[in-house]
Amino acid sequence: TENILLVKVTRNGKLYKDDCGEPFEEAFLKAKIA
């Protein structure tokens, strides 16, 4: 949308925030990523 999404593909296929390394589950990504 109006933001810039920055992503990293990790070894287990999940995405991680750089600040704390917290994994985001797929359901959360689908609902909230935008």
Full PDB file with SEQRES, HELIX, SHEET, SSBOND, CRYST1, ORIGX, SCALE, CONECT and MASTER records, all heavy atoms in Angstrom:
SEQRES   1 A   34  THR GLU ASN ILE LEU LEU VAL LYS VAL THR ARG ASN GLY          
SEQRES   2 A   34  LYS LEU TYR LYS ASP ASP CYS GLY GLU PRO PHE GLU GLU          
SEQRES   3 A   34  ALA PHE LEU LYS ALA LYS ILE ALA                              
HELIX    1 AA1 GLU A   26  LYS A   32  1                                   7    
CRYST1    1.000    1.000    1.000  90.00  90.00  90.00 P 1           1          
ORIGX1      1.000000  0.000000  0.000000        0.00000                         
ORIGX2      0.000000  1.000000  0.000000        0.00000                         
ORIGX3      0.000000  0.000000  1.000000        0.00000                         
SCALE1      1.000000  0.000000  0.000000        0.00000                         
SCALE2      0.000000  1.000000  0.000000        0.00000                         
SCALE3      0.000000  0.000000  1.000000        0.00000                         
ATOM      1  N   THR A   1       0.852  -1.191   0.000  1.00  0.00           N  
ATOM      2  CA  THR A   1       0.000   0.000   0.000  1.00  0.00           C  
ATOM      3  C   THR A   1       0.886   1.238   0.000  1.00  0.00           C  
ATOM      4  O   THR A   1       1.630   1.462  -0.931  1.00  0.00           O  
ATOM      5  CB  THR A   1      -0.988  -0.025   1.177  1.00  0.00           C  
ATOM      6  OG1 THR A   1      -0.276  -0.058   2.412  1.00  0.00           O  
ATOM      7  CG2 THR A   1      -1.900  -1.226   1.094  1.00  0.00           C  
ATOM      8  N   GLU A   2       0.860   2.037   1.073  1.00  0.00           N  
ATOM      9  CA  GLU A   2       1.657   3.257   1.101  1.00  0.00           C  
ATOM     10  C   GLU A   2       3.022   3.051   1.766  1.00  0.00           C  
ATOM     11  O   GLU A   2       3.821   3.959   1.827  1.00  0.00           O  
ATOM     12  CB  GLU A   2       0.899   4.354   1.844  1.00  0.00           C  
ATOM     13  CG  GLU A   2      -0.380   4.761   1.152  1.00  0.00           C  
ATOM     14  CD  GLU A   2      -1.119   5.845   1.894  1.00  0.00           C  
ATOM     15  OE1 GLU A   2      -0.711   6.176   3.010  1.00  0.00           O  
ATOM     16  OE2 GLU A   2      -2.099   6.353   1.341  1.00  0.00           O  
ATOM     17  N   ASN A   3       3.260   1.840   2.274  1.00  0.00           N  
ATOM     18  CA  ASN A   3       4.509   1.578   2.982  1.00  0.00           C  
ATOM     19  C   ASN A   3       5.511   0.863   2.089  1.00  0.00           C  
ATOM     20  O   ASN A   3       5.202   0.402   1.003  1.00  0.00           O  
ATOM     21  CB  ASN A   3       4.249   0.702   4.216  1.00  0.00           C  
ATOM     22  CG  ASN A   3       3.389   1.417   5.238  1.00  0.00           C  
ATOM     23  OD1 ASN A   3       3.478   2.628   5.361  1.00  0.00           O  
ATOM     24  ND2 ASN A   3       2.569   0.677   5.951  1.00  0.00           N  
ATOM     25  N   ILE A   4       6.734   0.739   2.568  1.00  0.00           N  
ATOM     26  CA  ILE A   4       7.750  -0.078   1.927  1.00  0.00           C  
ATOM     27  C   ILE A   4       7.961  -1.297   2.811  1.00  0.00           C  
ATOM     28  O   ILE A   4       8.321  -1.191   3.975  1.00  0.00           O  
ATOM     29  CB  ILE A   4       9.074   0.690   1.781  1.00  0.00           C  
ATOM     30  CG1 ILE A   4       8.859   1.933   0.914  1.00  0.00           C  
ATOM     31  CG2 ILE A   4      10.139  -0.198   1.175  1.00  0.00           C  
ATOM     32  CD1 ILE A   4       8.406   1.642  -0.500  1.00  0.00           C  
ATOM     33  N   LEU A   5       7.692  -2.468   2.262  1.00  0.00           N  
ATOM     34  CA  LEU A   5       7.857  -3.708   3.000  1.00  0.00           C  
ATOM     35  C   LEU A   5       9.248  -4.259   2.737  1.00  0.00           C  
ATOM     36  O   LEU A   5       9.649  -4.445   1.603  1.00  0.00           O  
ATOM     37  CB  LEU A   5       6.809  -4.726   2.533  1.00  0.00           C  
ATOM     38  CG  LEU A   5       6.939  -6.144   3.062  1.00  0.00           C  
ATOM     39  CD1 LEU A   5       6.685  -6.163   4.555  1.00  0.00           C  
ATOM     40  CD2 LEU A   5       5.974  -7.054   2.353  1.00  0.00           C  
ATOM     41  N   LEU A   6       9.984  -4.530   3.790  1.00  0.00           N  
ATOM     42  CA  LEU A   6      11.329  -5.072   3.667  1.00  0.00           C  
ATOM     43  C   LEU A   6      11.338  -6.473   4.252  1.00  0.00           C  
ATOM     44  O   LEU A   6      10.938  -6.677   5.398  1.00  0.00           O  
ATOM     45  CB  LEU A   6      12.326  -4.177   4.408  1.00  0.00           C  
ATOM     46  CG  LEU A   6      12.390  -2.750   3.847  1.00  0.00           C  
ATOM     47  CD1 LEU A   6      13.051  -1.821   4.840  1.00  0.00           C  
ATOM     48  CD2 LEU A   6      13.124  -2.713   2.536  1.00  0.00           C  
ATOM     49  N   VAL A   7      11.738  -7.455   3.465  1.00  0.00           N  
ATOM     50  CA  VAL A   7      11.612  -8.835   3.905  1.00  0.00           C  
ATOM     51  C   VAL A   7      12.931  -9.583   3.784  1.00  0.00           C  
ATOM     52  O   VAL A   7      13.807  -9.212   3.026  1.00  0.00           O  
ATOM     53  CB  VAL A   7      10.544  -9.594   3.093  1.00  0.00           C  
ATOM     54  CG1 VAL A   7       9.214  -8.887   3.132  1.00  0.00           C  
ATOM     55  CG2 VAL A   7      10.997  -9.791   1.651  1.00  0.00           C  
ATOM     56  N   LYS A   8      13.032 -10.655   4.541  1.00  0.00           N  
ATOM     57  CA  LYS A   8      14.164 -11.564   4.457  1.00  0.00           C  
ATOM     58  C   LYS A   8      13.635 -12.987   4.472  1.00  0.00           C  
ATOM     59  O   LYS A   8      12.790 -13.325   5.285  1.00  0.00           O  
ATOM     60  CB  LYS A   8      15.105 -11.356   5.642  1.00  0.00           C  
ATOM     61  CG  LYS A   8      16.304 -12.310   5.652  1.00  0.00           C  
ATOM     62  CD  LYS A   8      17.184 -12.038   6.854  1.00  0.00           C  
ATOM     63  CE  LYS A   8      18.375 -12.969   6.875  1.00  0.00           C  
ATOM     64  NZ  LYS A   8      19.237 -12.731   8.053  1.00  0.00           N  
ATOM     65  N   VAL A   9      14.101 -13.794   3.549  1.00  0.00           N  
ATOM     66  CA  VAL A   9      13.739 -15.203   3.541  1.00  0.00           C  
ATOM     67  C   VAL A   9      14.717 -15.937   4.441  1.00  0.00           C  
ATOM     68  O   VAL A   9      15.923 -15.890   4.221  1.00  0.00           O  
ATOM     69  CB  VAL A   9      13.805 -15.781   2.119  1.00  0.00           C  
ATOM     70  CG1 VAL A   9      13.369 -17.235   2.127  1.00  0.00           C  
ATOM     71  CG2 VAL A   9      12.926 -14.973   1.180  1.00  0.00           C  
ATOM     72  N   THR A  10      14.197 -16.609   5.440  1.00  0.00           N  
ATOM     73  CA  THR A  10      15.055 -17.249   6.420  1.00  0.00           C  
ATOM     74  C   THR A  10      15.160 -18.745   6.144  1.00  0.00           C  
ATOM     75  O   THR A  10      14.496 -19.282   5.270  1.00  0.00           O  
ATOM     76  CB  THR A  10      14.496 -17.041   7.835  1.00  0.00           C  
ATOM     77  OG1 THR A  10      13.253 -17.739   7.925  1.00  0.00           O  
ATOM     78  CG2 THR A  10      14.260 -15.576   8.112  1.00  0.00           C  
ATOM     79  N   ARG A  11      15.968 -19.436   6.910  1.00  0.00           N  
ATOM     80  CA  ARG A  11      16.228 -20.850   6.651  1.00  0.00           C  
ATOM     81  C   ARG A  11      14.992 -21.718   6.818  1.00  0.00           C  
ATOM     82  O   ARG A  11      14.852 -22.732   6.175  1.00  0.00           O  
ATOM     83  CB  ARG A  11      17.342 -21.350   7.577  1.00  0.00           C  
ATOM     84  CG  ARG A  11      18.685 -20.740   7.254  1.00  0.00           C  
ATOM     85  CD  ARG A  11      19.803 -21.423   8.025  1.00  0.00           C  
ATOM     86  NE  ARG A  11      21.078 -20.791   7.752  1.00  0.00           N  
ATOM     87  CZ  ARG A  11      21.812 -21.028   6.680  1.00  0.00           C  
ATOM     88  NH1 ARG A  11      21.379 -21.881   5.772  1.00  0.00           N  
ATOM     89  NH2 ARG A  11      22.958 -20.405   6.486  1.00  0.00           N  
ATOM     90  N   ASN A  12      14.083 -21.328   7.690  1.00  0.00           N  
ATOM     91  CA  ASN A  12      12.884 -22.137   7.864  1.00  0.00           C  
ATOM     92  C   ASN A  12      11.698 -21.595   7.082  1.00  0.00           C  
ATOM     93  O   ASN A  12      10.569 -22.005   7.286  1.00  0.00           O  
ATOM     94  CB  ASN A  12      12.522 -22.247   9.346  1.00  0.00           C  
ATOM     95  CG  ASN A  12      12.199 -20.906   9.964  1.00  0.00           C  
ATOM     96  OD1 ASN A  12      12.237 -19.883   9.290  1.00  0.00           O  
ATOM     97  ND2 ASN A  12      11.877 -20.903  11.246  1.00  0.00           N  
ATOM     98  N   GLY A  13      11.940 -20.667   6.171  1.00  0.00           N  
ATOM     99  CA  GLY A  13      10.889 -20.185   5.296  1.00  0.00           C  
ATOM    100  C   GLY A  13      10.005 -19.113   5.884  1.00  0.00           C  
ATOM    101  O   GLY A  13       9.082 -18.640   5.238  1.00  0.00           O  
ATOM    102  N   LYS A  14      10.276 -18.695   7.140  1.00  0.00           N  
ATOM    103  CA  LYS A  14       9.473 -17.645   7.758  1.00  0.00           C  
ATOM    104  C   LYS A  14      10.160 -16.298   7.606  1.00  0.00           C  
ATOM    105  O   LYS A  14      11.323 -16.216   7.237  1.00  0.00           O  
ATOM    106  CB  LYS A  14       9.250 -17.952   9.234  1.00  0.00           C  
ATOM    107  CG  LYS A  14       8.402 -19.204   9.476  1.00  0.00           C  
ATOM    108  CD  LYS A  14       8.186 -19.431  10.963  1.00  0.00           C  
ATOM    109  CE  LYS A  14       7.337 -20.674  11.199  1.00  0.00           C  
ATOM    110  NZ  LYS A  14       7.138 -20.936  12.645  1.00  0.00           N  
ATOM    111  N   LEU A  15       9.422 -15.246   7.896  1.00  0.00           N  
ATOM    112  CA  LEU A  15       9.970 -13.902   7.834  1.00  0.00           C  
ATOM    113  C   LEU A  15      10.266 -13.415   9.250  1.00  0.00           C  
ATOM    114  O   LEU A  15       9.544 -13.725  10.184  1.00  0.00           O  
ATOM    115  CB  LEU A  15       8.972 -12.949   7.172  1.00  0.00           C  
ATOM    116  CG  LEU A  15       8.496 -13.368   5.790  1.00  0.00           C  
ATOM    117  CD1 LEU A  15       7.539 -12.338   5.235  1.00  0.00           C  
ATOM    118  CD2 LEU A  15       9.678 -13.541   4.863  1.00  0.00           C  
ATOM    119  N   TYR A  16      11.330 -12.642   9.392  1.00  0.00           N  
ATOM    120  CA  TYR A  16      11.724 -12.185  10.712  1.00  0.00           C  
ATOM    121  C   TYR A  16      11.897 -10.678  10.749  1.00  0.00           C  
ATOM    122  O   TYR A  16      12.410 -10.077   9.811  1.00  0.00           O  
ATOM    123  CB  TYR A  16      13.052 -12.839  11.123  1.00  0.00           C  
ATOM    124  CG  TYR A  16      12.896 -14.252  11.577  1.00  0.00           C  
ATOM    125  CD1 TYR A  16      12.756 -15.272  10.657  1.00  0.00           C  
ATOM    126  CD2 TYR A  16      12.855 -14.568  12.930  1.00  0.00           C  
ATOM    127  CE1 TYR A  16      12.600 -16.586  11.071  1.00  0.00           C  
ATOM    128  CE2 TYR A  16      12.708 -15.876  13.346  1.00  0.00           C  
ATOM    129  CZ  TYR A  16      12.588 -16.885  12.423  1.00  0.00           C  
ATOM    130  OH  TYR A  16      12.427 -18.165  12.829  1.00  0.00           O  
ATOM    131  N   LYS A  17      11.483 -10.088  11.844  1.00  0.00           N  
ATOM    132  CA  LYS A  17      11.800  -8.693  12.103  1.00  0.00           C  
ATOM    133  C   LYS A  17      13.269  -8.596  12.487  1.00  0.00           C  
ATOM    134  O   LYS A  17      13.788  -9.427  13.209  1.00  0.00           O  
ATOM    135  CB  LYS A  17      10.943  -8.157  13.249  1.00  0.00           C  
ATOM    136  CG  LYS A  17       9.481  -7.997  12.899  1.00  0.00           C  
ATOM    137  CD  LYS A  17       8.671  -7.598  14.110  1.00  0.00           C  
ATOM    138  CE  LYS A  17       9.080  -6.261  14.637  1.00  0.00           C  
ATOM    139  NZ  LYS A  17       8.229  -5.815  15.756  1.00  0.00           N  
ATOM    140  N   ASP A  18      13.923  -7.543  12.041  1.00  0.00           N  
ATOM    141  CA  ASP A  18      15.339  -7.384  12.337  1.00  0.00           C  
ATOM    142  C   ASP A  18      15.579  -6.994  13.789  1.00  0.00           C  
ATOM    143  O   ASP A  18      16.579  -7.341  14.379  1.00  0.00           O  
ATOM    144  CB  ASP A  18      15.932  -6.316  11.405  1.00  0.00           C  
ATOM    145  CG  ASP A  18      17.440  -6.217  11.551  1.00  0.00           C  
ATOM    146  OD1 ASP A  18      18.122  -7.243  11.411  1.00  0.00           O  
ATOM    147  OD2 ASP A  18      17.926  -5.120  11.822  1.00  0.00           O  
ATOM    148  N   ASP A  19      14.621  -6.277  14.382  1.00  0.00           N  
ATOM    149  CA  ASP A  19      14.870  -5.738  15.718  1.00  0.00           C  
ATOM    150  C   ASP A  19      14.927  -6.804  16.800  1.00  0.00           C  
ATOM    151  O   ASP A  19      15.712  -6.721  17.729  1.00  0.00           O  
ATOM    152  CB  ASP A  19      13.835  -4.663  16.077  1.00  0.00           C  
ATOM    153  CG  ASP A  19      12.407  -5.147  15.923  1.00  0.00           C  
ATOM    154  OD1 ASP A  19      12.218  -6.295  15.489  1.00  0.00           O  
ATOM    155  OD2 ASP A  19      11.503  -4.367  16.234  1.00  0.00           O  
ATOM    156  N   CYS A  20      14.093  -7.850  16.694  1.00  0.00           N  
ATOM    157  CA  CYS A  20      14.090  -8.842  17.759  1.00  0.00           C  
ATOM    158  C   CYS A  20      14.091 -10.280  17.239  1.00  0.00           C  
ATOM    159  O   CYS A  20      14.092 -11.219  18.019  1.00  0.00           O  
ATOM    160  CB  CYS A  20      12.873  -8.645  18.659  1.00  0.00           C  
ATOM    161  SG  CYS A  20      11.306  -8.859  17.800  1.00  0.00           S  
ATOM    162  N   GLY A  21      14.071 -10.454  15.902  1.00  0.00           N  
ATOM    163  CA  GLY A  21      14.086 -11.801  15.360  1.00  0.00           C  
ATOM    164  C   GLY A  21      12.812 -12.571  15.583  1.00  0.00           C  
ATOM    165  O   GLY A  21      12.778 -13.787  15.518  1.00  0.00           O  
ATOM    166  N   GLU A  22      11.707 -11.877  15.823  1.00  0.00           N  
ATOM    167  CA  GLU A  22      10.447 -12.551  16.121  1.00  0.00           C  
ATOM    168  C   GLU A  22       9.813 -13.098  14.838  1.00  0.00           C  
ATOM    169  O   GLU A  22       9.604 -12.357  13.879  1.00  0.00           O  
ATOM    170  CB  GLU A  22       9.482 -11.550  16.763  1.00  0.00           C  
ATOM    171  CG  GLU A  22       8.094 -12.109  17.032  1.00  0.00           C  
ATOM    172  CD  GLU A  22       7.138 -11.030  17.482  1.00  0.00           C  
ATOM    173  OE1 GLU A  22       7.567  -9.882  17.639  1.00  0.00           O  
ATOM    174  OE2 GLU A  22       5.946 -11.351  17.665  1.00  0.00           O  
ATOM    175  N   PRO A  23       9.494 -14.398  14.787  1.00  0.00           N  
ATOM    176  CA  PRO A  23       8.869 -14.952  13.580  1.00  0.00           C  
ATOM    177  C   PRO A  23       7.406 -14.553  13.478  1.00  0.00           C  
ATOM    178  O   PRO A  23       6.699 -14.469  14.482  1.00  0.00           O  
ATOM    179  CB  PRO A  23       9.009 -16.464  13.783  1.00  0.00           C  
ATOM    180  CG  PRO A  23       9.057 -16.641  15.256  1.00  0.00           C  
ATOM    181  CD  PRO A  23       9.756 -15.418  15.806  1.00  0.00           C  
ATOM    182  N   PHE A  24       6.949 -14.309  12.259  1.00  0.00           N  
ATOM    183  CA  PHE A  24       5.548 -14.001  12.012  1.00  0.00           C  
ATOM    184  C   PHE A  24       4.892 -15.200  11.351  1.00  0.00           C  
ATOM    185  O   PHE A  24       5.331 -15.660  10.318  1.00  0.00           O  
ATOM    186  CB  PHE A  24       5.419 -12.777  11.099  1.00  0.00           C  
ATOM    187  CG  PHE A  24       5.768 -11.498  11.783  1.00  0.00           C  
ATOM    188  CD1 PHE A  24       7.075 -11.038  11.780  1.00  0.00           C  
ATOM    189  CD2 PHE A  24       4.812 -10.752  12.441  1.00  0.00           C  
ATOM    190  CE1 PHE A  24       7.409  -9.870  12.412  1.00  0.00           C  
ATOM    191  CE2 PHE A  24       5.146  -9.576  13.079  1.00  0.00           C  
ATOM    192  CZ  PHE A  24       6.448  -9.130  13.072  1.00  0.00           C  
ATOM    193  N   GLU A  25       3.844 -15.722  11.949  1.00  0.00           N  
ATOM    194  CA  GLU A  25       3.180 -16.892  11.391  1.00  0.00           C  
ATOM    195  C   GLU A  25       2.433 -16.512  10.109  1.00  0.00           C  
ATOM    196  O   GLU A  25       2.069 -15.370   9.890  1.00  0.00           O  
ATOM    197  CB  GLU A  25       2.193 -17.470  12.410  1.00  0.00           C  
ATOM    198  CG  GLU A  25       2.851 -17.962  13.683  1.00  0.00           C  
ATOM    199  CD  GLU A  25       3.838 -19.092  13.415  1.00  0.00           C  
ATOM    200  OE1 GLU A  25       3.659 -19.794  12.414  1.00  0.00           O  
ATOM    201  OE2 GLU A  25       4.784 -19.258  14.203  1.00  0.00           O  
ATOM    202  N   GLU A  26       2.195 -17.505   9.282  1.00  0.00           N  
ATOM    203  CA  GLU A  26       1.585 -17.273   7.974  1.00  0.00           C  
ATOM    204  C   GLU A  26       0.209 -16.605   8.097  1.00  0.00           C  
ATOM    205  O   GLU A  26      -0.120 -15.707   7.333  1.00  0.00           O  
ATOM    206  CB  GLU A  26       1.449 -18.601   7.227  1.00  0.00           C  
ATOM    207  CG  GLU A  26       1.082 -18.453   5.763  1.00  0.00           C  
ATOM    208  CD  GLU A  26       2.213 -17.864   4.958  1.00  0.00           C  
ATOM    209  OE1 GLU A  26       3.367 -17.956   5.410  1.00  0.00           O  
ATOM    210  OE2 GLU A  26       1.926 -17.309   3.886  1.00  0.00           O  
ATOM    211  N   ALA A  27      -0.585 -17.032   9.058  1.00  0.00           N  
ATOM    212  CA  ALA A  27      -1.909 -16.446   9.211  1.00  0.00           C  
ATOM    213  C   ALA A  27      -1.819 -14.963   9.535  1.00  0.00           C  
ATOM    214  O   ALA A  27      -2.608 -14.149   9.057  1.00  0.00           O  
ATOM    215  CB  ALA A  27      -2.684 -17.176  10.298  1.00  0.00           C  
ATOM    216  N   PHE A  28      -0.844 -14.598  10.365  1.00  0.00           N  
ATOM    217  CA  PHE A  28      -0.662 -13.196  10.708  1.00  0.00           C  
ATOM    218  C   PHE A  28      -0.245 -12.401   9.483  1.00  0.00           C  
ATOM    219  O   PHE A  28      -0.722 -11.300   9.240  1.00  0.00           O  
ATOM    220  CB  PHE A  28       0.400 -13.059  11.794  1.00  0.00           C  
ATOM    221  CG  PHE A  28       0.699 -11.641  12.175  1.00  0.00           C  
ATOM    222  CD1 PHE A  28      -0.074 -10.958  13.099  1.00  0.00           C  
ATOM    223  CD2 PHE A  28       1.757 -10.964  11.585  1.00  0.00           C  
ATOM    224  CE1 PHE A  28       0.202  -9.661  13.440  1.00  0.00           C  
ATOM    225  CE2 PHE A  28       2.041  -9.652  11.922  1.00  0.00           C  
ATOM    226  CZ  PHE A  28       1.264  -8.998  12.849  1.00  0.00           C  
ATOM    227  N   LEU A  29       0.652 -12.994   8.693  1.00  0.00           N  
ATOM    228  CA  LEU A  29       1.113 -12.316   7.485  1.00  0.00           C  
ATOM    229  C   LEU A  29      -0.049 -12.027   6.549  1.00  0.00           C  
ATOM    230  O   LEU A  29      -0.185 -10.934   6.020  1.00  0.00           O  
ATOM    231  CB  LEU A  29       2.150 -13.163   6.756  1.00  0.00           C  
ATOM    232  CG  LEU A  29       3.545 -13.168   7.362  1.00  0.00           C  
ATOM    233  CD1 LEU A  29       4.392 -14.229   6.669  1.00  0.00           C  
ATOM    234  CD2 LEU A  29       4.195 -11.814   7.213  1.00  0.00           C  
ATOM    235  N   LYS A  30      -0.905 -13.012   6.348  1.00  0.00           N  
ATOM    236  CA  LYS A  30      -2.013 -12.848   5.423  1.00  0.00           C  
ATOM    237  C   LYS A  30      -2.949 -11.731   5.867  1.00  0.00           C  
ATOM    238  O   LYS A  30      -3.471 -10.979   5.055  1.00  0.00           O  
ATOM    239  CB  LYS A  30      -2.799 -14.156   5.304  1.00  0.00           C  
ATOM    240  CG  LYS A  30      -2.045 -15.256   4.580  1.00  0.00           C  
ATOM    241  CD  LYS A  30      -2.869 -16.528   4.535  1.00  0.00           C  
ATOM    242  CE  LYS A  30      -2.111 -17.649   3.830  1.00  0.00           C  
ATOM    243  NZ  LYS A  30      -2.875 -18.906   3.809  1.00  0.00           N  
ATOM    244  N   ALA A  31      -3.167 -11.622   7.159  1.00  0.00           N  
ATOM    245  CA  ALA A  31      -4.139 -10.657   7.663  1.00  0.00           C  
ATOM    246  C   ALA A  31      -3.561  -9.268   7.856  1.00  0.00           C  
ATOM    247  O   ALA A  31      -4.257  -8.268   7.705  1.00  0.00           O  
ATOM    248  CB  ALA A  31      -4.709 -11.159   8.996  1.00  0.00           C  
ATOM    249  N   LYS A  32      -2.278  -9.182   8.208  1.00  0.00           N  
ATOM    250  CA  LYS A  32      -1.740  -7.922   8.686  1.00  0.00           C  
ATOM    251  C   LYS A  32      -0.607  -7.327   7.856  1.00  0.00           C  
ATOM    252  O   LYS A  32      -0.249  -6.167   8.052  1.00  0.00           O  
ATOM    253  CB  LYS A  32      -1.206  -8.104  10.118  1.00  0.00           C  
ATOM    254  CG  LYS A  32      -2.235  -8.616  11.109  1.00  0.00           C  
ATOM    255  CD  LYS A  32      -3.307  -7.588  11.371  1.00  0.00           C  
ATOM    256  CE  LYS A  32      -4.248  -8.067  12.483  1.00  0.00           C  
ATOM    257  NZ  LYS A  32      -5.321  -7.091  12.751  1.00  0.00           N  
ATOM    258  N   ILE A  33      -0.048  -8.084   6.952  1.00  0.00           N  
ATOM    259  CA  ILE A  33       1.215  -7.660   6.356  1.00  0.00           C  
ATOM    260  C   ILE A  33       1.117  -6.323   5.632  1.00  0.00           C  
ATOM    261  O   ILE A  33       2.050  -5.536   5.616  1.00  0.00           O  
ATOM    262  CB  ILE A  33       1.760  -8.751   5.416  1.00  0.00           C  
ATOM    263  CG1 ILE A  33       3.250  -8.556   5.182  1.00  0.00           C  
ATOM    264  CG2 ILE A  33       1.021  -8.776   4.090  1.00  0.00           C  
ATOM    265  CD1 ILE A  33       3.915  -9.723   4.499  1.00  0.00           C  
ATOM    266  N   ALA A  34      -0.022  -6.024   5.032  1.00  0.00           N  
ATOM    267  CA  ALA A  34      -0.164  -4.776   4.291  1.00  0.00           C  
ATOM    268  C   ALA A  34      -0.165  -3.557   5.195  1.00  0.00           C  
ATOM    269  O   ALA A  34       0.034  -2.438   4.729  1.00  0.00           O  
ATOM    270  CB  ALA A  34      -1.457  -4.798   3.474  1.00  0.00           C  
TER     271      ALA A  34                                                      
MASTER        0    0    0    1    0    0    0    6  270    1    0    3          
END                                                                             
